[in-house]
Amino acid sequence: MDSMTYTLADLGYNDSFETERIHSGLINYSVGRIIAEYKEAYRVKGTDIEYLAKITGKHMFTATIREDYPAVGDWVAFEALSDKTAIIRGILSRKTILKKKYSNKQDNQIIATNIDVAFITESTDRDYNLNRIERYLVLATEGSITPVILLNKIDLISDIEKNEKIDQLKNRFKNVDILVTSALSDQGLEDLRSYITKGKTYCFLGSSGVGKSSLINTLLGKNEIKTNEISTSLGKGKHTTTAREMYFLNNGGIVIDNPGTREVGISDSSAGLDNVFDEIADLSRSCKYTNCTHMHEPGCAVLEAVENKTLDEDKYSNFVKLKKESDFYKLTEVEKREKDRKFGKFVKNALNEMKQ
């Protein structure tokens, strides 16, 4: 446990949070930041001590969705019950939020909040995937978070392969900063360190085994986060992190490690899609129909660009897939049930016709 004394500014606090605390009637409570989340409990970091805190029964009763609960990165007003425990009395509004869709659920899963930069980490091994990077970019930009692509484990490939991958990334993601790193050989680590500044919060995103925890350990200068050995047969390591946690670097930067996941579901991410796929958004203004889906309509400028090879076909295909996900999650639970009911009826009628 970190025994250093911090100011609230060191933890990322600013005047906008303080103004809200006053206007919300929480001025008589202490302020801290959620740095770890457990089952039904949270670790709250104050200026000189950390508390194991819980929310009130009233809060649990009035909460209707996952976003009503605290998350790593949140600023909370709390009341200390002892020198180790506390009760959370309020959550201050989030400046930014990173969330993804739960599998087969209407609710969202909050990854972290009040983040300034998301390091979208992809390794150079066989799991390298541009479409997955694009998904993370949508999540980051939808949450008003600056994305940075971090190509890790460059020690595994030759300089020629490395340059080819960098060119791929630059061609596909023209307006996103790209860093290349290796925790094993320390390549690019100084560039990464210089990117992280005091009082700002950075979140590492990526699949299991891409090396997020190893990079954070290197930045910390100690093995704070446990990682398993890298498999020589698969070329990747197994991530042992099971919960999100915040760490504080010597230069004053704040980083959050996340459990790796292959499933990156997006919810209602219209703004994020338009931002990441700005080229398609620009083309769509020239479509014949204002409500063009860019899949089959005549006079579609997007389809024309794909046919003329001025728009990358893989990028277009990924856009269509993500757009369908986003549109589906916009539906209310009632609309989804109605859609499922009609589909079930369609399947039933089709089976009956086949029998006849």
Protein backbone atom coordinates (compact mmCIF):
# COMPACT_ATOMS: atom_id res chain seq x y z
CA MET A 1 0.00 0.00 0.00
CA ASP A 2 1.27 3.49 -0.91
CA SER A 3 2.27 5.38 2.25
CA MET A 4 3.06 8.71 0.56
CA THR A 5 1.12 11.88 1.32
CA TYR A 6 -0.67 13.46 -1.64
CA THR A 7 -2.55 16.67 -2.30
CA LEU A 8 -5.95 16.38 -3.97
CA ALA A 9 -4.42 18.00 -7.08
CA ASP A 10 -1.83 15.18 -7.17
CA LEU A 11 -4.73 12.74 -7.38
CA GLY A 12 -6.33 14.67 -10.27
CA TYR A 13 -8.76 16.90 -8.34
CA ASN A 14 -9.61 20.33 -9.78
CA ASP A 15 -11.87 23.35 -9.25
CA SER A 16 -14.80 21.88 -11.23
CA PHE A 17 -15.02 18.92 -8.85
CA GLU A 18 -14.78 21.22 -5.83
CA THR A 19 -17.52 23.50 -7.18
CA GLU A 20 -19.84 20.54 -7.59
CA ARG A 21 -19.04 19.25 -4.11
CA ILE A 22 -20.12 22.61 -2.67
CA HIS A 23 -23.29 22.86 -4.76
CA SER A 24 -24.22 19.24 -3.95
CA GLY A 25 -24.16 19.91 -0.20
CA LEU A 26 -21.21 17.55 0.37
CA ILE A 27 -18.83 20.19 1.75
CA ASN A 28 -18.80 18.67 5.25
CA TYR A 29 -17.42 15.35 3.98
CA SER A 30 -13.88 14.42 3.00
CA VAL A 31 -12.94 13.91 -0.64
CA GLY A 32 -11.14 10.90 -2.06
CA ARG A 33 -10.70 8.95 -5.26
CA ILE A 34 -11.73 5.35 -5.95
CA ILE A 35 -8.47 3.53 -6.74
CA ALA A 36 -9.74 -0.06 -6.64
CA GLU A 37 -13.07 -1.86 -6.76
CA TYR A 38 -13.95 -5.10 -5.01
CA LYS A 39 -17.16 -7.01 -4.48
CA GLU A 40 -19.46 -4.59 -2.62
CA ALA A 41 -16.49 -2.47 -1.45
CA TYR A 42 -14.11 0.18 -2.76
CA ARG A 43 -10.65 1.43 -1.86
CA VAL A 44 -10.73 5.21 -1.48
CA LYS A 45 -7.52 7.23 -1.46
CA GLY A 46 -7.48 10.47 0.49
CA THR A 47 -4.60 12.89 0.90
CA ASP A 48 -2.82 10.84 3.56
CA ILE A 49 -4.66 7.54 4.06
CA GLU A 50 -6.59 4.84 2.19
CA TYR A 51 -9.96 3.52 3.33
CA LEU A 52 -12.02 0.45 2.58
CA ALA A 53 -15.40 2.03 1.86
CA LYS A 54 -18.96 0.97 1.14
CA ILE A 55 -21.96 2.81 -0.24
CA THR A 56 -25.07 3.48 1.86
CA GLY A 57 -28.13 1.25 1.83
CA LYS A 58 -30.11 4.20 0.44
CA HIS A 59 -27.68 4.45 -2.48
CA MET A 60 -28.08 0.73 -3.23
CA PHE A 61 -31.87 1.08 -3.06
CA THR A 62 -32.04 4.07 -5.43
CA ALA A 63 -29.42 2.81 -7.93
CA THR A 64 -31.10 1.45 -11.06
CA ILE A 65 -28.17 0.80 -13.42
CA ARG A 66 -24.46 -0.06 -13.06
CA GLU A 67 -23.46 3.53 -13.80
CA ASP A 68 -25.15 4.64 -10.57
CA TYR A 69 -22.46 2.84 -8.56
CA PRO A 70 -18.90 4.06 -7.92
CA ALA A 71 -16.13 3.02 -10.30
CA VAL A 72 -12.34 3.24 -10.39
CA GLY A 73 -11.40 6.85 -11.11
CA ASP A 74 -14.47 8.37 -9.44
CA TRP A 75 -14.23 11.24 -6.99
CA VAL A 76 -16.39 10.61 -3.94
CA ALA A 77 -17.39 12.43 -0.78
CA PHE A 78 -16.94 10.08 2.16
CA GLU A 79 -17.23 9.89 5.93
CA ALA A 80 -14.50 8.05 7.84
CA LEU A 81 -15.83 5.51 10.32
CA SER A 82 -12.36 4.55 11.62
CA ASP A 83 -8.77 4.90 10.46
CA LYS A 84 -9.40 2.08 7.95
CA THR A 85 -13.08 2.15 6.97
CA ALA A 86 -15.46 4.73 5.51
CA ILE A 87 -18.91 5.22 4.04
CA ILE A 88 -19.40 6.89 0.65
CA ARG A 89 -21.91 9.74 0.84
CA GLY A 90 -21.86 10.93 -2.76
CA ILE A 91 -20.25 10.53 -6.20
CA LEU A 92 -19.14 13.65 -8.05
CA SER A 93 -20.06 13.93 -11.73
CA ARG A 94 -17.66 12.22 -14.09
CA LYS A 95 -15.55 14.35 -16.42
CA THR A 96 -15.03 11.38 -18.76
CA ILE A 97 -16.20 7.78 -18.71
CA LEU A 98 -14.94 4.63 -20.38
CA LYS A 99 -17.54 1.89 -20.65
CA LYS A 100 -18.28 -1.17 -22.71
CA LYS A 101 -21.23 -3.44 -23.22
CA TYR A 102 -21.77 -6.50 -21.06
CA SER A 103 -22.25 -9.67 -23.10
CA ASN A 104 -25.98 -10.26 -23.75
CA LYS A 105 -26.99 -7.61 -21.22
CA GLN A 106 -28.61 -4.21 -21.56
CA ASP A 107 -26.41 -2.72 -18.85
CA ASN A 108 -22.97 -1.20 -19.44
CA GLN A 109 -19.77 -2.14 -17.68
CA ILE A 110 -17.78 0.87 -16.50
CA ILE A 111 -14.07 0.37 -17.15
CA ALA A 112 -12.91 3.56 -15.44
CA THR A 113 -13.80 7.25 -15.10
CA ASN A 114 -12.16 10.68 -15.14
CA ILE A 115 -9.46 9.47 -17.53
CA ASP A 116 -7.44 11.90 -19.65
CA VAL A 117 -5.72 9.45 -22.03
CA ALA A 118 -6.41 5.82 -22.98
CA PHE A 119 -3.37 3.80 -24.09
CA ILE A 120 -4.89 1.28 -26.51
CA THR A 121 -2.30 -1.48 -26.24
CA GLU A 122 -1.79 -4.04 -29.00
CA SER A 123 1.10 -6.51 -29.19
CA THR A 124 2.99 -7.51 -32.32
CA ASP A 125 2.31 -11.24 -31.93
CA ARG A 126 -0.32 -13.25 -33.79
CA ASP A 127 -3.13 -11.51 -31.88
CA TYR A 128 -2.44 -8.22 -33.69
CA ASN A 129 -5.80 -6.88 -34.91
CA LEU A 130 -6.65 -3.48 -36.43
CA ASN A 131 -10.40 -3.96 -36.05
CA ARG A 132 -10.06 -4.45 -32.28
CA ILE A 133 -8.02 -1.25 -32.03
CA GLU A 134 -10.84 0.52 -33.83
CA ARG A 135 -13.33 -0.76 -31.27
CA TYR A 136 -11.26 0.64 -28.41
CA LEU A 137 -10.95 3.94 -30.28
CA VAL A 138 -14.74 4.19 -30.47
CA LEU A 139 -15.05 3.52 -26.72
CA ALA A 140 -12.42 6.16 -25.89
CA THR A 141 -13.72 8.92 -28.15
CA GLU A 142 -17.33 8.25 -27.11
CA GLY A 143 -16.20 8.84 -23.52
CA SER A 144 -14.39 12.10 -24.45
CA ILE A 145 -11.01 10.48 -23.74
CA THR A 146 -7.91 11.09 -25.87
CA PRO A 147 -6.78 7.78 -27.42
CA VAL A 148 -3.15 6.81 -28.03
CA ILE A 149 -2.21 3.58 -29.82
CA LEU A 150 0.57 1.68 -28.09
CA LEU A 151 2.23 -1.04 -30.19
CA ASN A 152 3.96 -3.27 -27.65
CA LYS A 153 6.40 -6.22 -27.73
CA ILE A 154 8.32 -4.82 -30.69
CA ASP A 155 11.30 -6.92 -29.55
CA LEU A 156 9.49 -9.94 -31.04
CA ILE A 157 9.71 -8.70 -34.64
CA SER A 158 12.32 -7.33 -37.03
CA ASP A 159 12.72 -3.62 -37.80
CA ILE A 160 11.19 -4.25 -41.23
CA GLU A 161 8.08 -5.88 -39.70
CA LYS A 162 7.88 -3.12 -37.10
CA ASN A 163 7.94 -0.39 -39.74
CA GLU A 164 5.30 -2.23 -41.79
CA LYS A 165 2.98 -2.35 -38.77
CA ILE A 166 3.60 1.31 -37.95
CA ASP A 167 2.73 2.21 -41.55
CA GLN A 168 -0.47 0.13 -41.29
CA LEU A 169 -1.48 1.95 -38.13
CA LYS A 170 -0.69 5.40 -39.56
CA ASN A 171 -2.68 4.68 -42.73
CA ARG A 172 -5.69 3.33 -40.84
CA PHE A 173 -5.66 5.78 -37.89
CA LYS A 174 -4.44 9.08 -39.30
CA ASN A 175 -5.24 11.38 -36.38
CA VAL A 176 -4.09 9.20 -33.49
CA ASP A 177 -0.67 9.31 -31.81
CA ILE A 178 1.25 6.02 -32.03
CA LEU A 179 3.92 4.82 -29.59
CA VAL A 180 6.03 1.65 -29.94
CA THR A 181 7.35 -0.09 -26.83
CA SER A 182 8.92 -3.17 -25.33
CA ALA A 183 8.97 -3.77 -21.58
CA LEU A 184 11.54 -6.51 -22.13
CA SER A 185 14.10 -4.43 -24.04
CA ASP A 186 13.02 -0.98 -22.72
CA GLN A 187 12.51 0.25 -26.29
CA GLY A 188 10.22 3.28 -26.42
CA LEU A 189 9.85 3.44 -22.63
CA GLU A 190 11.28 6.96 -22.42
CA ASP A 191 8.76 8.14 -25.05
CA LEU A 192 5.99 6.58 -22.98
CA ARG A 193 7.27 8.15 -19.75
CA SER A 194 7.49 11.59 -21.35
CA TYR A 195 3.87 11.24 -22.53
CA ILE A 196 2.66 10.85 -18.93
CA THR A 197 2.41 14.09 -16.93
CA LYS A 198 1.71 14.93 -13.30
CA GLY A 199 -1.91 14.94 -12.13
CA LYS A 200 -3.25 13.35 -15.33
CA THR A 201 -4.90 9.92 -15.43
CA TYR A 202 -4.03 7.26 -18.00
CA CYS A 203 -5.78 3.96 -18.64
CA PHE A 204 -4.20 0.93 -20.33
CA LEU A 205 -6.64 -1.02 -22.53
CA GLY A 206 -6.11 -4.24 -24.44
CA SER A 207 -6.53 -7.98 -24.58
CA SER A 208 -4.93 -10.37 -22.12
CA GLY A 209 -1.27 -10.93 -22.84
CA VAL A 210 -0.50 -7.70 -24.71
CA GLY A 211 1.80 -6.58 -21.87
CA LYS A 212 -0.16 -3.82 -20.13
CA SER A 213 0.84 -4.87 -16.61
CA SER A 214 4.49 -5.36 -17.57
CA LEU A 215 4.59 -1.84 -18.98
CA ILE A 216 3.07 -0.39 -15.80
CA ASN A 217 5.53 -2.37 -13.67
CA THR A 218 8.37 -0.89 -15.72
CA LEU A 219 6.96 2.63 -15.28
CA LEU A 220 6.62 2.02 -11.53
CA GLY A 221 10.14 0.63 -11.31
CA LYS A 222 8.92 -2.41 -9.36
CA ASN A 223 6.84 -5.56 -9.84
CA GLU A 224 3.69 -4.16 -8.28
CA ILE A 225 1.40 -6.12 -10.61
CA LYS A 226 1.82 -9.88 -10.90
CA THR A 227 2.07 -11.32 -14.40
CA ASN A 228 2.54 -14.88 -15.57
CA GLU A 229 5.38 -16.15 -17.71
CA ILE A 230 5.06 -15.59 -21.43
CA SER A 231 4.19 -18.78 -23.32
CA THR A 232 6.83 -19.53 -25.93
CA SER A 233 4.37 -21.63 -27.93
CA LEU A 234 1.64 -19.02 -28.07
CA GLY A 235 3.85 -15.95 -27.92
CA LYS A 236 1.82 -14.24 -25.22
CA GLY A 237 1.46 -14.07 -21.47
CA LYS A 238 -1.54 -14.68 -19.30
CA HIS A 239 -2.70 -11.63 -17.40
CA THR A 240 -3.36 -12.32 -13.70
CA THR A 241 -5.06 -9.00 -12.96
CA THR A 242 -8.69 -9.64 -12.04
CA ALA A 243 -9.69 -6.14 -10.93
CA ARG A 244 -9.08 -2.58 -12.07
CA GLU A 245 -6.60 -0.69 -9.97
CA MET A 246 -4.95 2.73 -9.97
CA TYR A 247 -1.22 3.27 -9.53
CA PHE A 248 0.83 6.42 -8.91
CA LEU A 249 4.12 7.01 -10.73
CA ASN A 250 7.13 8.85 -9.37
CA ASN A 251 6.65 11.63 -11.93
CA GLY A 252 3.14 12.30 -10.61
CA GLY A 253 1.27 10.52 -13.39
CA ILE A 254 -1.67 8.24 -12.53
CA VAL A 255 -2.20 4.97 -14.41
CA ILE A 256 -4.99 2.38 -14.34
CA ASP A 257 -4.48 -1.27 -15.21
CA ASN A 258 -7.43 -3.29 -16.52
CA PRO A 259 -8.13 -7.01 -16.78
CA GLY A 260 -7.59 -8.07 -20.38
CA THR A 261 -10.64 -8.94 -22.42
CA ARG A 262 -11.26 -10.19 -25.94
CA GLU A 263 -14.84 -9.02 -25.99
CA VAL A 264 -15.14 -5.27 -26.56
CA GLY A 265 -18.86 -4.60 -26.96
CA ILE A 266 -19.94 -1.07 -27.76
CA SER A 267 -23.22 0.52 -26.72
CA ASP A 268 -24.87 3.67 -28.10
CA SER A 269 -21.69 5.15 -29.57
CA SER A 270 -22.86 7.42 -32.41
CA ALA A 271 -20.45 10.24 -31.57
CA GLY A 272 -17.55 7.83 -31.12
CA LEU A 273 -18.24 6.17 -34.47
CA ASP A 274 -18.43 9.50 -36.30
CA ASN A 275 -15.18 10.56 -34.65
CA VAL A 276 -13.21 7.40 -35.37
CA PHE A 277 -14.71 6.91 -38.83
CA ASP A 278 -14.63 10.60 -39.75
CA GLU A 279 -13.75 9.74 -43.34
CA ILE A 280 -17.02 7.81 -43.68
CA ALA A 281 -18.93 10.55 -41.86
CA ASP A 282 -17.62 13.08 -44.40
CA LEU A 283 -18.49 10.85 -47.36
CA SER A 284 -22.02 10.25 -46.03
CA ARG A 285 -22.86 13.92 -46.56
CA SER A 286 -22.75 13.22 -50.30
CA CYS A 287 -25.09 10.22 -50.16
CA LYS A 288 -28.32 10.45 -52.12
CA TYR A 289 -30.44 9.67 -49.04
CA THR A 290 -30.03 11.42 -45.68
CA ASN A 291 -30.82 8.21 -43.77
CA CYS A 292 -28.46 6.08 -45.86
CA THR A 293 -27.24 2.94 -44.08
CA HIS A 294 -24.24 2.68 -46.45
CA MET A 295 -25.00 -0.96 -47.13
CA HIS A 296 -27.21 -1.22 -50.22
CA GLU A 297 -28.72 2.14 -51.18
CA PRO A 298 -28.24 3.56 -54.71
CA GLY A 299 -26.26 6.78 -54.77
CA CYS A 300 -24.30 5.91 -51.61
CA ALA A 301 -21.03 7.84 -51.60
CA VAL A 302 -19.51 5.45 -49.05
CA LEU A 303 -20.14 2.34 -51.16
CA GLU A 304 -18.84 4.18 -54.19
CA ALA A 305 -15.61 5.00 -52.32
CA VAL A 306 -15.21 1.31 -51.38
CA GLU A 307 -15.72 0.26 -55.00
CA ASN A 308 -13.21 2.86 -56.19
CA LYS A 309 -10.78 1.68 -53.47
CA THR A 310 -10.45 5.20 -52.04
CA LEU A 311 -11.92 3.84 -48.79
CA ASP A 312 -10.28 0.85 -47.09
CA GLU A 313 -12.62 -2.14 -47.39
CA ASP A 314 -11.66 -3.61 -44.00
CA LYS A 315 -12.29 -0.26 -42.33
CA TYR A 316 -15.69 -0.02 -44.04
CA SER A 317 -16.63 -3.58 -42.99
CA ASN A 318 -15.68 -2.88 -39.39
CA PHE A 319 -17.70 0.36 -39.46
CA VAL A 320 -20.80 -1.50 -40.63
CA LYS A 321 -20.39 -4.11 -37.88
CA LEU A 322 -19.89 -1.52 -35.14
CA LYS A 323 -22.74 0.64 -36.46
CA LYS A 324 -25.11 -2.33 -36.28
CA GLU A 325 -24.06 -2.99 -32.67
CA SER A 326 -24.52 0.65 -31.73
CA ASP A 327 -27.95 0.88 -33.39
CA PHE A 328 -29.09 -2.32 -31.71
CA TYR A 329 -28.13 -1.09 -28.24
CA LYS A 330 -30.06 2.13 -28.82
CA LEU A 331 -33.24 0.11 -28.71
CA THR A 332 -35.10 0.08 -25.42
CA GLU A 333 -35.70 -3.19 -23.63
CA VAL A 334 -39.31 -3.12 -24.87
CA GLU A 335 -38.24 -2.60 -28.47
CA LYS A 336 -35.66 -5.36 -28.18
CA ARG A 337 -38.23 -7.75 -26.78
CA GLU A 338 -40.63 -6.88 -29.59
CA LYS A 339 -37.90 -7.42 -32.16
CA ASP A 340 -37.00 -10.77 -30.59
CA ARG A 341 -40.68 -11.76 -30.49
CA LYS A 342 -41.16 -10.98 -34.19
CA PHE A 343 -37.99 -12.86 -35.08
CA GLY A 344 -39.15 -15.85 -33.03
CA LYS A 345 -42.49 -15.78 -34.82
CA PHE A 346 -40.70 -15.59 -38.18
CA VAL A 347 -38.54 -18.62 -37.31
CA LYS A 348 -41.59 -20.57 -36.08
CA ASN A 349 -43.54 -19.84 -39.29
CA ALA A 350 -40.54 -20.76 -41.42
CA LEU A 351 -40.19 -24.11 -39.61
CA ASN A 352 -43.90 -24.82 -40.07
CA GLU A 353 -43.64 -24.10 -43.80
CA MET A 354 -40.65 -26.43 -44.08
CA LYS A 355 -42.62 -29.22 -42.40
CA GLN A 356 -45.51 -28.74 -44.81
